[in-house]
């Protein structure tokens, strides 16, 4: 795998892949954030997920992608050609096991996304997104999910509104309300402190003893 690595860098706004097109490689997001989305024939747009550092892009054995993949920030990708990766999957049982784990995580995230967009209030939606980002950063740093935490929020409010199917004004009001309630503490642009992640998760309508947050 080391010998066959392909590194790619995409600027914010770049199209990594179009829905229905061939993705020449599979790989991991090393840095930055990308969006998975679909555009309908009438122009409507629906975001279906985020790809952040450590997340996997593409599927072994399937070169076509069903979603647009757009870089929201500068994205660094480490990829592998499909043929090479398929050969490695045949030889390495631990790699196969890891891919099964990745796909199951993706399935859990997709189900949680459906519930968030379909049933949650605006406040719960925003808390869910912040909790997801915090937990993702936890996994990278092996931190305790109940501790206070500084998080980097790579998305602007327009992007957040798009992902959560809310208006920009609603997102702004919810950020103000969460700050007033002590759930978040803005530090500087794109950086905030979460005093109590357990409380944030509870406000998101989740618990912290299982499911997508572990």
Foldseek 3Di string as FASTA:
>chain_A
DVVFKDKDKDAAFDWQDAAFDFNQWKWFWQAAKKWWWDADPVGDIATQDMGGGPAIDDDQPDGGHHTTIGGRHIIMIITGGNVVVVVVVVVDVVVVVVNVVNVVLVVLSRVVLCCQLPPDDLLLNVLVVVLLQVLVVCVVVVHDQFAKDKGFASDDLCVSCRHNVHDSVSSVVSVVVCVVVQQWADDDVRIIIGHTSQVSQVSSVHGCPDGSSD
